[in-house]
């Protein structure tokens, strides 16, 4: 099943009130479930604390670009195989659908593709290291 379809299904589960979704397409099957949190019965009254005014942010210190987040937990790989050239590097231009990296999850190699065109500003994850769902992988401007 296409990674984009799975991502869309995850978004639908998060946006709706359902706790579990199972989809079968041919021989492929995906099951998405989320834990429900118990409802707190205690009322908490927030107390406002005085805050110092925020310092103005210099334009040079602002991060430019959009962060590409991991759609799943697994092991992050920048290249198709050890010792090979990474899919992308800082300064590289990517088009929609270009492979950015691989995330190995449950013994499957999942190609993560660019959803927007732009320039790779930074690689935010370490090659060969475990990552969690939502972890920042790249910054693309």
C-alpha atoms as a PDB file:
ATOM      1  CA  UNK A   1       0.000   0.000   0.000  1.00  0.00           C
ATOM      2  CA  UNK A   2       1.274   3.453  -0.879  1.00  0.00           C
ATOM      3  CA  UNK A   3       2.874   5.360   2.010  1.00  0.00           C
ATOM      4  CA  UNK A   4       0.820   8.463   1.176  1.00  0.00           C
ATOM      5  CA  UNK A   5      -2.412   6.479   1.542  1.00  0.00           C
ATOM      6  CA  UNK A   6      -1.275   5.127   4.911  1.00  0.00           C
ATOM      7  CA  UNK A   7      -0.346   8.639   6.058  1.00  0.00           C
ATOM      8  CA  UNK A   8      -3.791   9.907   5.001  1.00  0.00           C
ATOM      9  CA  UNK A   9      -5.458   7.061   6.932  1.00  0.00           C
ATOM     10  CA  UNK A  10      -3.447   7.986  10.038  1.00  0.00           C
ATOM     11  CA  UNK A  11      -4.572  11.607   9.689  1.00  0.00           C
ATOM     12  CA  UNK A  12      -8.214  10.499   9.365  1.00  0.00           C
ATOM     13  CA  UNK A  13      -7.954   8.393  12.535  1.00  0.00           C
ATOM     14  CA  UNK A  14      -6.365  11.314  14.417  1.00  0.00           C
ATOM     15  CA  UNK A  15      -9.030  13.784  13.236  1.00  0.00           C
ATOM     16  CA  UNK A  16     -12.000  11.520  13.925  1.00  0.00           C
ATOM     17  CA  UNK A  17     -13.217   9.989  17.140  1.00  0.00           C
ATOM     18  CA  UNK A  18     -12.472   6.405  16.126  1.00  0.00           C
ATOM     19  CA  UNK A  19      -9.852   4.414  17.998  1.00  0.00           C
ATOM     20  CA  UNK A  20      -9.147   1.712  15.422  1.00  0.00           C
ATOM     21  CA  UNK A  21      -9.239   1.342  11.634  1.00  0.00           C
ATOM     22  CA  UNK A  22      -8.469  -1.715   9.534  1.00  0.00           C
ATOM     23  CA  UNK A  23      -8.187  -1.513   5.732  1.00  0.00           C
ATOM     24  CA  UNK A  24      -7.563  -4.364   3.316  1.00  0.00           C
ATOM     25  CA  UNK A  25      -6.572  -3.824  -0.313  1.00  0.00           C
ATOM     26  CA  UNK A  26      -5.888  -7.053  -2.169  1.00  0.00           C
ATOM     27  CA  UNK A  27      -3.309  -8.974  -0.157  1.00  0.00           C
ATOM     28  CA  UNK A  28      -2.158  -5.913   1.794  1.00  0.00           C
ATOM     29  CA  UNK A  29      -3.702  -4.987   5.106  1.00  0.00           C
ATOM     30  CA  UNK A  30      -3.192  -2.002   7.402  1.00  0.00           C
ATOM     31  CA  UNK A  31      -4.462  -1.707  10.966  1.00  0.00           C
ATOM     32  CA  UNK A  32      -4.241   1.638  12.737  1.00  0.00           C
ATOM     33  CA  UNK A  33      -5.212   2.017  16.371  1.00  0.00           C
ATOM     34  CA  UNK A  34      -4.677   4.659  18.973  1.00  0.00           C
ATOM     35  CA  UNK A  35      -4.886   4.544  22.727  1.00  0.00           C
ATOM     36  CA  UNK A  36      -7.605   6.520  24.405  1.00  0.00           C
ATOM     37  CA  UNK A  37      -6.710   8.697  27.346  1.00  0.00           C
ATOM     38  CA  UNK A  38      -8.903   8.633  30.446  1.00  0.00           C
ATOM     39  CA  UNK A  39     -10.928  11.759  31.039  1.00  0.00           C
ATOM     40  CA  UNK A  40      -9.668  13.799  33.994  1.00  0.00           C
ATOM     41  CA  UNK A  41     -12.337  14.525  36.583  1.00  0.00           C
ATOM     42  CA  UNK A  42     -10.352  17.069  38.593  1.00  0.00           C
ATOM     43  CA  UNK A  43     -10.769  20.735  37.741  1.00  0.00           C
ATOM     44  CA  UNK A  44      -7.516  22.640  37.479  1.00  0.00           C
ATOM     45  CA  UNK A  45      -7.477  26.411  37.749  1.00  0.00           C
ATOM     46  CA  UNK A  46      -4.576  27.889  35.761  1.00  0.00           C
ATOM     47  CA  UNK A  47      -2.480  30.500  37.486  1.00  0.00           C
ATOM     48  CA  UNK A  48      -0.961  33.135  35.235  1.00  0.00           C
ATOM     49  CA  UNK A  49       2.686  33.810  35.920  1.00  0.00           C
ATOM     50  CA  UNK A  50       4.289  37.035  34.803  1.00  0.00           C
ATOM     51  CA  UNK A  51       6.397  36.518  31.719  1.00  0.00           C
ATOM     52  CA  UNK A  52       9.320  38.514  30.495  1.00  0.00           C
ATOM     53  CA  UNK A  53       8.788  40.077  27.081  1.00  0.00           C
ATOM     54  CA  UNK A  54      10.163  37.943  24.288  1.00  0.00           C
ATOM     55  CA  UNK A  55      13.378  39.127  22.744  1.00  0.00           C
ATOM     56  CA  UNK A  56      13.110  40.069  19.073  1.00  0.00           C
ATOM     57  CA  UNK A  57      14.352  37.343  16.774  1.00  0.00           C
ATOM     58  CA  UNK A  58      17.063  38.272  14.337  1.00  0.00           C
ATOM     59  CA  UNK A  59      16.295  37.324  10.733  1.00  0.00           C
ATOM     60  CA  UNK A  60      19.634  35.502  10.493  1.00  0.00           C
ATOM     61  CA  UNK A  61      18.745  33.187  13.421  1.00  0.00           C
ATOM     62  CA  UNK A  62      15.327  32.215  12.074  1.00  0.00           C
ATOM     63  CA  UNK A  63      15.076  28.732  10.602  1.00  0.00           C
ATOM     64  CA  UNK A  64      13.906  28.848   7.025  1.00  0.00           C
ATOM     65  CA  UNK A  65      11.989  26.085   5.294  1.00  0.00           C
ATOM     66  CA  UNK A  66       9.533  23.376   6.224  1.00  0.00           C
ATOM     67  CA  UNK A  67      10.477  20.388   8.359  1.00  0.00           C
ATOM     68  CA  UNK A  68       9.916  16.933   6.871  1.00  0.00           C
ATOM     69  CA  UNK A  69       8.857  14.684   9.765  1.00  0.00           C
ATOM     70  CA  UNK A  70       9.120  10.900  10.005  1.00  0.00           C
ATOM     71  CA  UNK A  71       5.781   9.270   9.123  1.00  0.00           C
ATOM     72  CA  UNK A  72       6.728   6.194  11.180  1.00  0.00           C
ATOM     73  CA  UNK A  73       9.196   4.947  13.752  1.00  0.00           C
ATOM     74  CA  UNK A  74      12.198   2.966  12.557  1.00  0.00           C
ATOM     75  CA  UNK A  75      15.829   3.309  11.536  1.00  0.00           C
ATOM     76  CA  UNK A  76      16.780   6.318   9.385  1.00  0.00           C
ATOM     77  CA  UNK A  77      19.068   5.771   6.371  1.00  0.00           C
ATOM     78  CA  UNK A  78      20.265   8.591   4.095  1.00  0.00           C
ATOM     79  CA  UNK A  79      21.544   6.257   1.319  1.00  0.00           C
ATOM     80  CA  UNK A  80      20.145   3.206  -0.498  1.00  0.00           C
ATOM     81  CA  UNK A  81      22.969   1.022   0.883  1.00  0.00           C
ATOM     82  CA  UNK A  82      25.969   1.399   3.215  1.00  0.00           C
ATOM     83  CA  UNK A  83      28.821   3.282   1.543  1.00  0.00           C
ATOM     84  CA  UNK A  84      26.650   4.670  -1.260  1.00  0.00           C
ATOM     85  CA  UNK A  85      25.901   8.318  -1.981  1.00  0.00           C
ATOM     86  CA  UNK A  86      23.016   9.734   0.123  1.00  0.00           C
ATOM     87  CA  UNK A  87      19.715  10.361  -1.666  1.00  0.00           C
ATOM     88  CA  UNK A  88      19.944  14.102  -0.842  1.00  0.00           C
ATOM     89  CA  UNK A  89      22.413  16.460   0.833  1.00  0.00           C
ATOM     90  CA  UNK A  90      22.155  20.062   2.023  1.00  0.00           C
ATOM     91  CA  UNK A  91      21.929  22.334  -1.015  1.00  0.00           C
ATOM     92  CA  UNK A  92      20.290  19.686  -3.210  1.00  0.00           C
ATOM     93  CA  UNK A  93      17.114  20.597  -5.098  1.00  0.00           C
ATOM     94  CA  UNK A  94      14.245  18.128  -4.771  1.00  0.00           C
ATOM     95  CA  UNK A  95      11.018  17.721  -6.705  1.00  0.00           C
ATOM     96  CA  UNK A  96       7.749  16.261  -5.470  1.00  0.00           C
ATOM     97  CA  UNK A  97       8.147  12.475  -5.336  1.00  0.00           C
ATOM     98  CA  UNK A  98      11.969  12.438  -5.056  1.00  0.00           C
ATOM     99  CA  UNK A  99      13.235   9.921  -2.501  1.00  0.00           C
ATOM    100  CA  UNK A 100      14.732  11.705   0.509  1.00  0.00           C
ATOM    101  CA  UNK A 101      15.682   8.726   2.672  1.00  0.00           C
ATOM    102  CA  UNK A 102      14.724   5.236   3.790  1.00  0.00           C
ATOM    103  CA  UNK A 103      13.123   4.314   7.093  1.00  0.00           C
ATOM    104  CA  UNK A 104      13.466   0.669   7.988  1.00  0.00           C
ATOM    105  CA  UNK A 105      10.431  -0.356   9.989  1.00  0.00           C
ATOM    106  CA  UNK A 106       9.329  -3.896  10.794  1.00  0.00           C
ATOM    107  CA  UNK A 107      11.996  -5.309   8.432  1.00  0.00           C
ATOM    108  CA  UNK A 108      10.611  -3.270   5.530  1.00  0.00           C
ATOM    109  CA  UNK A 109      12.538  -0.526   3.730  1.00  0.00           C
ATOM    110  CA  UNK A 110      10.159   2.442   3.272  1.00  0.00           C
ATOM    111  CA  UNK A 111      11.195   5.147   0.808  1.00  0.00           C
ATOM    112  CA  UNK A 112      10.255   8.577   2.140  1.00  0.00           C
ATOM    113  CA  UNK A 113       9.475  10.945  -0.726  1.00  0.00           C
ATOM    114  CA  UNK A 114       9.382  14.738  -0.917  1.00  0.00           C
ATOM    115  CA  UNK A 115       5.836  16.076  -0.721  1.00  0.00           C
ATOM    116  CA  UNK A 116       6.966  19.557  -1.776  1.00  0.00           C
ATOM    117  CA  UNK A 117       9.621  20.813  -4.165  1.00  0.00           C
ATOM    118  CA  UNK A 118      12.474  22.927  -2.846  1.00  0.00           C
ATOM    119  CA  UNK A 119      16.051  23.001  -1.631  1.00  0.00           C
ATOM    120  CA  UNK A 120      17.322  20.764   1.175  1.00  0.00           C
ATOM    121  CA  UNK A 121      18.507  23.223   3.815  1.00  0.00           C
ATOM    122  CA  UNK A 122      19.519  20.734   6.506  1.00  0.00           C
ATOM    123  CA  UNK A 123      19.554  17.031   7.395  1.00  0.00           C
ATOM    124  CA  UNK A 124      18.173  16.791  10.946  1.00  0.00           C
ATOM    125  CA  UNK A 125      18.478  13.042  11.638  1.00  0.00           C
ATOM    126  CA  UNK A 126      21.613  10.921  12.049  1.00  0.00           C
ATOM    127  CA  UNK A 127      22.213   8.147   9.531  1.00  0.00           C
ATOM    128  CA  UNK A 128      21.626   4.643  10.891  1.00  0.00           C
ATOM    129  CA  UNK A 129      19.974   5.877  14.086  1.00  0.00           C
ATOM    130  CA  UNK A 130      16.514   4.979  15.422  1.00  0.00           C
ATOM    131  CA  UNK A 131      13.826   7.641  15.062  1.00  0.00           C
ATOM    132  CA  UNK A 132      10.287   8.052  16.363  1.00  0.00           C
ATOM    133  CA  UNK A 133       7.139   8.988  14.459  1.00  0.00           C
ATOM    134  CA  UNK A 134       7.125  12.749  13.954  1.00  0.00           C
ATOM    135  CA  UNK A 135      10.899  13.129  14.404  1.00  0.00           C
ATOM    136  CA  UNK A 136      12.352  15.887  12.194  1.00  0.00           C
ATOM    137  CA  UNK A 137      14.311  14.442   9.248  1.00  0.00           C
ATOM    138  CA  UNK A 138      15.001  17.312   6.837  1.00  0.00           C
ATOM    139  CA  UNK A 139      14.383  21.025   6.455  1.00  0.00           C
ATOM    140  CA  UNK A 140      13.343  21.978   2.903  1.00  0.00           C
ATOM    141  CA  UNK A 141      12.880  25.569   1.722  1.00  0.00           C
END
